[in-house]
Structure formats: C-alpha cells, structure tokens
N, C-alpha and C. Protein backbone atom coordinates (compact mmCIF):
# COMPACT_ATOMS: atom_id res chain seq x y z
N MET A 1 -11.33 -28.30 1.93
CA MET A 1 -10.41 -27.32 1.45
C MET A 1 -9.35 -27.17 2.59
N SER A 2 -8.07 -27.04 2.29
CA SER A 2 -7.02 -26.96 3.28
C SER A 2 -6.77 -25.50 3.52
N ASP A 3 -6.23 -25.29 4.78
CA ASP A 3 -5.87 -23.95 5.18
C ASP A 3 -4.42 -23.68 4.77
N ALA A 4 -4.20 -22.71 3.91
CA ALA A 4 -2.85 -22.50 3.40
C ALA A 4 -2.00 -21.60 4.33
N THR A 5 -2.43 -21.43 5.46
CA THR A 5 -1.70 -20.56 6.48
C THR A 5 -0.40 -21.30 6.89
N PRO A 6 0.72 -20.64 6.84
CA PRO A 6 1.97 -21.31 7.35
C PRO A 6 1.97 -21.68 8.75
N THR A 7 2.51 -22.81 9.06
CA THR A 7 2.61 -23.20 10.48
C THR A 7 3.92 -22.57 11.02
N SER A 8 4.06 -22.71 12.34
CA SER A 8 5.25 -22.17 13.00
C SER A 8 6.43 -22.96 12.55
N ASP A 9 6.36 -24.14 12.00
CA ASP A 9 7.50 -24.93 11.55
C ASP A 9 8.00 -24.49 10.18
N SER A 10 7.09 -23.88 9.42
CA SER A 10 7.52 -23.50 8.06
C SER A 10 7.99 -22.04 8.06
N PRO A 11 9.01 -21.76 7.19
CA PRO A 11 9.48 -20.42 7.15
C PRO A 11 8.50 -19.49 6.46
N GLY A 12 8.41 -18.29 6.96
CA GLY A 12 7.52 -17.25 6.38
C GLY A 12 8.17 -16.72 5.09
N PHE A 13 7.33 -16.06 4.30
CA PHE A 13 7.81 -15.41 3.09
C PHE A 13 8.92 -14.44 3.32
N ASP A 14 8.79 -13.59 4.36
CA ASP A 14 9.78 -12.62 4.66
C ASP A 14 11.13 -13.26 4.99
N ASP A 15 11.06 -14.33 5.73
CA ASP A 15 12.24 -15.13 6.08
C ASP A 15 12.93 -15.63 4.85
N MET A 16 12.17 -16.23 3.90
CA MET A 16 12.72 -16.75 2.67
C MET A 16 13.34 -15.63 1.85
N THR A 17 12.65 -14.51 1.77
CA THR A 17 13.15 -13.39 1.05
C THR A 17 14.42 -12.87 1.59
N ARG A 18 14.49 -12.79 2.88
CA ARG A 18 15.77 -12.29 3.51
C ARG A 18 16.84 -13.33 3.30
N ASP A 19 16.53 -14.63 3.35
CA ASP A 19 17.61 -15.64 3.07
C ASP A 19 18.15 -15.53 1.67
N ILE A 20 17.26 -15.46 0.69
CA ILE A 20 17.68 -15.47 -0.69
C ILE A 20 18.48 -14.12 -1.03
N ALA A 21 18.07 -13.02 -0.26
CA ALA A 21 18.76 -11.81 -0.50
C ALA A 21 20.25 -11.82 -0.15
N GLU A 22 20.58 -12.74 0.70
CA GLU A 22 21.96 -12.92 1.18
C GLU A 22 22.78 -13.78 0.27
N VAL A 23 22.18 -14.41 -0.68
CA VAL A 23 22.88 -15.41 -1.57
C VAL A 23 23.43 -14.64 -2.81
N PRO A 24 24.68 -14.77 -3.11
CA PRO A 24 25.21 -14.13 -4.35
C PRO A 24 24.56 -14.70 -5.57
N ALA A 25 24.46 -13.84 -6.59
CA ALA A 25 23.85 -14.23 -7.82
C ALA A 25 24.55 -15.45 -8.44
N VAL A 26 25.85 -15.47 -8.42
CA VAL A 26 26.54 -16.58 -9.00
C VAL A 26 26.12 -17.90 -8.36
N GLU A 27 25.96 -17.86 -7.07
CA GLU A 27 25.50 -19.10 -6.44
C GLU A 27 24.11 -19.47 -6.79
N VAL A 28 23.22 -18.55 -7.00
CA VAL A 28 21.85 -18.89 -7.49
C VAL A 28 21.94 -19.47 -8.85
N ILE A 29 22.76 -18.83 -9.76
CA ILE A 29 22.84 -19.35 -11.15
C ILE A 29 23.36 -20.77 -11.16
N VAL A 30 24.46 -21.00 -10.46
CA VAL A 30 25.10 -22.36 -10.37
C VAL A 30 24.09 -23.37 -9.80
N THR A 31 23.36 -23.01 -8.76
CA THR A 31 22.43 -23.87 -8.15
C THR A 31 21.36 -24.29 -9.11
N VAL A 32 20.77 -23.33 -9.86
CA VAL A 32 19.73 -23.59 -10.81
C VAL A 32 20.37 -24.52 -11.98
N ALA A 33 21.57 -24.20 -12.37
CA ALA A 33 22.23 -25.00 -13.45
C ALA A 33 22.36 -26.49 -12.92
N VAL A 34 22.77 -26.64 -11.74
CA VAL A 34 23.01 -28.06 -11.26
C VAL A 34 21.63 -28.71 -11.10
N ASN A 35 20.60 -28.03 -10.64
CA ASN A 35 19.28 -28.68 -10.62
C ASN A 35 18.82 -29.04 -12.03
N LEU A 36 18.99 -28.22 -12.95
CA LEU A 36 18.66 -28.54 -14.38
C LEU A 36 19.46 -29.77 -14.91
N MET A 37 20.73 -29.83 -14.60
CA MET A 37 21.60 -30.94 -14.97
C MET A 37 21.07 -32.26 -14.28
N SER A 38 20.75 -32.18 -13.01
CA SER A 38 20.35 -33.36 -12.33
C SER A 38 19.00 -33.89 -12.87
N ALA A 39 18.09 -32.94 -13.14
CA ALA A 39 16.78 -33.35 -13.74
C ALA A 39 16.93 -33.95 -15.10
N ALA A 40 17.83 -33.31 -15.90
CA ALA A 40 18.06 -33.89 -17.21
C ALA A 40 18.67 -35.27 -17.17
N ALA A 41 19.60 -35.48 -16.26
CA ALA A 41 20.21 -36.76 -16.15
C ALA A 41 19.15 -37.83 -15.84
N VAL A 42 18.25 -37.50 -14.95
CA VAL A 42 17.12 -38.45 -14.54
C VAL A 42 16.30 -38.76 -15.80
N LYS A 43 15.87 -37.67 -16.55
CA LYS A 43 15.06 -37.86 -17.69
C LYS A 43 15.71 -38.58 -18.89
N LEU A 44 17.13 -38.50 -18.82
CA LEU A 44 17.85 -39.31 -19.85
C LEU A 44 18.08 -40.72 -19.47
N GLY A 45 17.62 -41.11 -18.18
CA GLY A 45 17.79 -42.45 -17.78
C GLY A 45 19.15 -42.77 -17.30
N LEU A 46 19.89 -41.76 -16.80
CA LEU A 46 21.27 -41.96 -16.35
C LEU A 46 21.40 -42.24 -14.85
N THR A 47 20.33 -42.54 -14.20
CA THR A 47 20.38 -42.89 -12.80
C THR A 47 20.25 -44.33 -12.55
N GLU A 48 20.36 -44.83 -11.24
CA GLU A 48 20.19 -46.22 -10.98
C GLU A 48 18.98 -46.83 -11.54
N ASP A 49 17.83 -46.02 -11.45
CA ASP A 49 16.55 -46.54 -11.91
C ASP A 49 16.44 -46.60 -13.45
N GLY A 50 17.39 -45.94 -14.18
CA GLY A 50 17.54 -45.96 -15.52
C GLY A 50 16.24 -45.65 -16.31
N ASP A 51 15.76 -46.63 -17.05
CA ASP A 51 14.61 -46.32 -17.92
C ASP A 51 13.30 -45.98 -17.16
N GLU A 52 13.23 -46.25 -15.92
CA GLU A 52 11.95 -46.02 -15.16
C GLU A 52 11.52 -44.55 -15.28
N HIS A 53 12.43 -43.61 -15.33
CA HIS A 53 12.02 -42.14 -15.39
C HIS A 53 12.46 -41.56 -16.74
N LYS A 54 12.93 -42.36 -17.66
CA LYS A 54 13.40 -41.88 -18.96
C LYS A 54 12.30 -41.18 -19.75
N ASP A 55 12.50 -39.93 -20.23
CA ASP A 55 11.55 -39.22 -21.02
C ASP A 55 12.41 -38.21 -21.84
N LEU A 56 12.67 -38.60 -23.05
CA LEU A 56 13.59 -37.75 -23.92
C LEU A 56 12.98 -36.42 -24.20
N ASP A 57 11.61 -36.33 -24.36
CA ASP A 57 11.03 -35.02 -24.60
C ASP A 57 11.30 -34.04 -23.44
N GLU A 58 11.11 -34.50 -22.22
CA GLU A 58 11.40 -33.73 -21.08
C GLU A 58 12.88 -33.44 -20.98
N ALA A 59 13.72 -34.41 -21.20
CA ALA A 59 15.13 -34.17 -21.21
C ALA A 59 15.57 -33.10 -22.17
N ARG A 60 15.05 -33.13 -23.36
CA ARG A 60 15.32 -32.09 -24.32
C ARG A 60 15.07 -30.68 -23.83
N LYS A 61 13.94 -30.56 -23.16
CA LYS A 61 13.57 -29.21 -22.69
C LYS A 61 14.56 -28.77 -21.57
N LEU A 62 14.90 -29.69 -20.72
CA LEU A 62 15.85 -29.38 -19.63
C LEU A 62 17.23 -29.04 -20.15
N VAL A 63 17.74 -29.82 -21.06
CA VAL A 63 19.07 -29.57 -21.63
C VAL A 63 19.10 -28.21 -22.45
N HIS A 64 17.99 -27.98 -23.08
CA HIS A 64 17.94 -26.67 -23.83
C HIS A 64 17.88 -25.52 -22.86
N ALA A 65 17.13 -25.62 -21.74
CA ALA A 65 17.06 -24.58 -20.74
C ALA A 65 18.43 -24.40 -20.11
N LEU A 66 19.08 -25.43 -19.82
CA LEU A 66 20.48 -25.37 -19.22
C LEU A 66 21.43 -24.61 -20.15
N ALA A 67 21.40 -24.98 -21.43
CA ALA A 67 22.26 -24.35 -22.40
C ALA A 67 21.95 -22.83 -22.49
N GLY A 68 20.68 -22.51 -22.52
CA GLY A 68 20.30 -21.10 -22.50
C GLY A 68 20.71 -20.33 -21.26
N LEU A 69 20.63 -20.95 -20.11
CA LEU A 69 21.07 -20.38 -18.95
C LEU A 69 22.60 -20.07 -18.91
N LEU A 70 23.37 -21.09 -19.36
CA LEU A 70 24.79 -20.99 -19.39
C LEU A 70 25.27 -19.97 -20.43
N ASP A 71 24.59 -19.92 -21.58
CA ASP A 71 24.89 -18.98 -22.57
C ASP A 71 24.61 -17.57 -22.12
N GLY A 72 23.41 -17.42 -21.51
CA GLY A 72 23.05 -16.07 -21.02
C GLY A 72 23.85 -15.55 -19.85
N SER A 73 24.42 -16.46 -19.08
CA SER A 73 25.11 -16.07 -17.86
C SER A 73 26.59 -16.19 -18.05
N ALA A 74 27.09 -16.49 -19.20
CA ALA A 74 28.52 -16.79 -19.38
C ALA A 74 29.47 -15.61 -18.96
N THR A 75 29.02 -14.33 -19.23
CA THR A 75 29.81 -13.20 -18.87
C THR A 75 29.61 -12.81 -17.39
N GLU A 76 28.62 -13.44 -16.69
CA GLU A 76 28.34 -13.02 -15.38
C GLU A 76 28.98 -13.98 -14.33
N ILE A 77 29.32 -15.16 -14.72
CA ILE A 77 29.96 -16.14 -13.83
C ILE A 77 31.35 -16.40 -14.27
N SER A 78 32.28 -16.64 -13.40
CA SER A 78 33.66 -16.85 -13.73
C SER A 78 33.82 -18.22 -14.46
N SER A 79 34.92 -18.32 -15.18
CA SER A 79 35.28 -19.61 -15.81
C SER A 79 35.42 -20.77 -14.78
N PHE A 80 35.74 -20.35 -13.53
CA PHE A 80 35.85 -21.37 -12.48
C PHE A 80 34.53 -22.08 -12.36
N HIS A 81 33.42 -21.33 -12.45
CA HIS A 81 32.09 -21.91 -12.32
C HIS A 81 31.59 -22.50 -13.63
N ALA A 82 31.87 -21.68 -14.73
CA ALA A 82 31.30 -22.00 -16.00
C ALA A 82 31.88 -23.28 -16.65
N ALA A 83 33.17 -23.48 -16.54
CA ALA A 83 33.87 -24.59 -17.21
C ALA A 83 33.20 -25.96 -16.84
N PRO A 84 33.09 -26.24 -15.56
CA PRO A 84 32.50 -27.61 -15.26
C PRO A 84 31.04 -27.68 -15.64
N LEU A 85 30.32 -26.57 -15.66
CA LEU A 85 28.94 -26.54 -16.06
C LEU A 85 28.87 -26.88 -17.54
N ARG A 86 29.75 -26.19 -18.30
CA ARG A 86 29.77 -26.49 -19.75
C ARG A 86 30.17 -27.93 -20.03
N ASP A 87 31.07 -28.50 -19.31
CA ASP A 87 31.40 -29.92 -19.48
C ASP A 87 30.28 -30.79 -19.21
N GLY A 88 29.50 -30.51 -18.15
CA GLY A 88 28.30 -31.28 -17.80
C GLY A 88 27.23 -31.18 -18.82
N LEU A 89 27.07 -29.97 -19.42
CA LEU A 89 26.16 -29.74 -20.49
C LEU A 89 26.48 -30.61 -21.71
N LYS A 90 27.75 -30.59 -22.07
CA LYS A 90 28.22 -31.37 -23.27
C LYS A 90 27.96 -32.86 -23.05
N SER A 91 28.21 -33.35 -21.80
CA SER A 91 27.98 -34.68 -21.50
C SER A 91 26.49 -35.05 -21.68
N LEU A 92 25.65 -34.17 -21.20
CA LEU A 92 24.20 -34.43 -21.29
C LEU A 92 23.80 -34.38 -22.77
N GLN A 93 24.34 -33.47 -23.55
CA GLN A 93 23.96 -33.44 -24.92
C GLN A 93 24.42 -34.64 -25.73
N LEU A 94 25.60 -35.20 -25.34
CA LEU A 94 26.08 -36.45 -25.96
C LEU A 94 25.21 -37.61 -25.52
N ALA A 95 24.83 -37.66 -24.18
CA ALA A 95 23.96 -38.74 -23.69
C ALA A 95 22.62 -38.67 -24.46
N PHE A 96 22.07 -37.49 -24.70
CA PHE A 96 20.85 -37.38 -25.39
C PHE A 96 20.94 -37.93 -26.80
N ARG A 97 22.06 -37.52 -27.48
CA ARG A 97 22.28 -38.01 -28.84
C ARG A 97 22.31 -39.51 -28.84
N GLU A 98 23.03 -40.14 -27.89
CA GLU A 98 23.13 -41.62 -27.80
C GLU A 98 21.83 -42.26 -27.50
N ALA A 99 20.99 -41.62 -26.69
CA ALA A 99 19.70 -42.16 -26.27
C ALA A 99 18.66 -42.09 -27.31
N SER A 100 18.83 -41.17 -28.28
CA SER A 100 17.79 -40.93 -29.31
C SER A 100 17.80 -42.10 -30.28
N LEU A 101 16.61 -42.58 -30.60
CA LEU A 101 16.48 -43.60 -31.64
C LEU A 101 16.77 -42.96 -33.03
N VAL A 102 16.34 -41.77 -33.25
CA VAL A 102 16.63 -41.04 -34.53
C VAL A 102 17.38 -39.77 -34.13
N PRO A 103 18.68 -39.79 -34.10
CA PRO A 103 19.49 -38.63 -33.68
C PRO A 103 19.16 -37.39 -34.53
N ASP A 104 19.19 -36.21 -33.80
CA ASP A 104 19.00 -34.87 -34.41
C ASP A 104 20.20 -34.71 -35.38
N GLU A 105 19.95 -33.86 -36.38
CA GLU A 105 21.05 -33.38 -37.26
C GLU A 105 22.00 -32.53 -36.40
N PRO A 106 23.28 -32.63 -36.77
CA PRO A 106 24.25 -31.76 -36.00
C PRO A 106 23.80 -30.32 -35.99
N GLY A 107 23.86 -29.75 -34.77
CA GLY A 107 23.35 -28.38 -34.56
C GLY A 107 21.91 -28.26 -34.18
N GLN A 108 21.14 -29.34 -34.34
CA GLN A 108 19.72 -29.30 -34.05
C GLN A 108 19.35 -29.99 -32.70
N GLY A 109 20.32 -30.52 -32.04
CA GLY A 109 20.02 -31.22 -30.72
C GLY A 109 19.73 -30.21 -29.64
N PRO A 110 19.35 -30.69 -28.51
CA PRO A 110 18.96 -29.82 -27.39
C PRO A 110 20.16 -28.93 -26.93
N GLY A 111 19.88 -27.61 -26.91
CA GLY A 111 20.86 -26.66 -26.54
C GLY A 111 21.90 -26.30 -27.56
N GLU A 112 21.92 -27.01 -28.68
CA GLU A 112 22.95 -26.75 -29.74
C GLU A 112 22.75 -25.45 -30.45
N LYS A 113 21.56 -24.82 -30.27
CA LYS A 113 21.36 -23.50 -30.76
C LYS A 113 22.37 -22.53 -30.06
N TYR A 114 22.65 -22.87 -28.83
CA TYR A 114 23.57 -22.01 -27.99
C TYR A 114 24.98 -22.44 -28.04
N THR A 115 25.23 -23.76 -28.14
CA THR A 115 26.55 -24.27 -28.00
C THR A 115 27.22 -24.66 -29.34
N GLY A 116 26.42 -24.71 -30.39
CA GLY A 116 26.92 -25.23 -31.65
C GLY A 116 26.87 -26.80 -31.64
N PRO A 117 27.11 -27.38 -32.76
CA PRO A 117 27.04 -28.87 -32.83
C PRO A 117 27.88 -29.55 -31.85
N VAL A 118 27.31 -30.65 -31.30
CA VAL A 118 28.09 -31.46 -30.38
C VAL A 118 28.36 -32.79 -31.01
N PHE A 119 29.65 -33.20 -31.04
CA PHE A 119 29.95 -34.50 -31.63
C PHE A 119 30.64 -35.28 -30.59
N GLY A 120 30.43 -36.66 -30.63
CA GLY A 120 31.00 -37.54 -29.69
C GLY A 120 32.33 -37.96 -30.11
C-alpha cells in the first residue's frame, strides 16, 4: 500500500485552493471548454494518431458536455470568449456527423439538444 502523503515537491491542498481562488471564473470556464474540445478531437480521431484513439461513444459524451457547458455559461462569458468556442463546438459536431457510419437525425447529434441541428 502506498503512502498518500504529499511530498515537498507536490503542492498542498491549501496552495492549490489559494491558486484557483485567484483565477477568474471566465478563465476556468474557457479552460474546461478547451479541455473538452481537445479530448473530443482525440476521440473523434482528429489527431496525428487518428484512428488509434477514435471512440465515437466517448466523443459523443464530450461534445454533449461541451455544448451544455457553453449553453449554460453563455450569459456569463463574453462573446469574445464564446464565439470561438461555439465555432469549435460546431466543427466537432460536424466531424462527429462525418465520422458516424449511421449519422444521427438532424437535431439528435451530440450537443444538438443545446445548439439545434448542425448541418455541413
């Protein structure tokens, strides 16, 4: 069994809490959105490794979560931040539609509950 006590090289919980307390909410939201976008791109096979990590079921979940986050935070983040995130979301939704052997009906794809139907 390993000892879960933090070493002097790892930050303590109090340090991490203090660090995150200094980060504006918009920055946290955008960072989470970018992480979701990156993970979805990997699961869609849009990276150099392509099909090695492709998993459309996982991609669907990530794209849907991204759409929900953007929908829920739309009034909280400025259009300066929201516009490129929405563009990225639409690109992922289109990539999902193209990668699917049996495409979802319009309005039934990942995140389309929040964005409405996405057409190429």
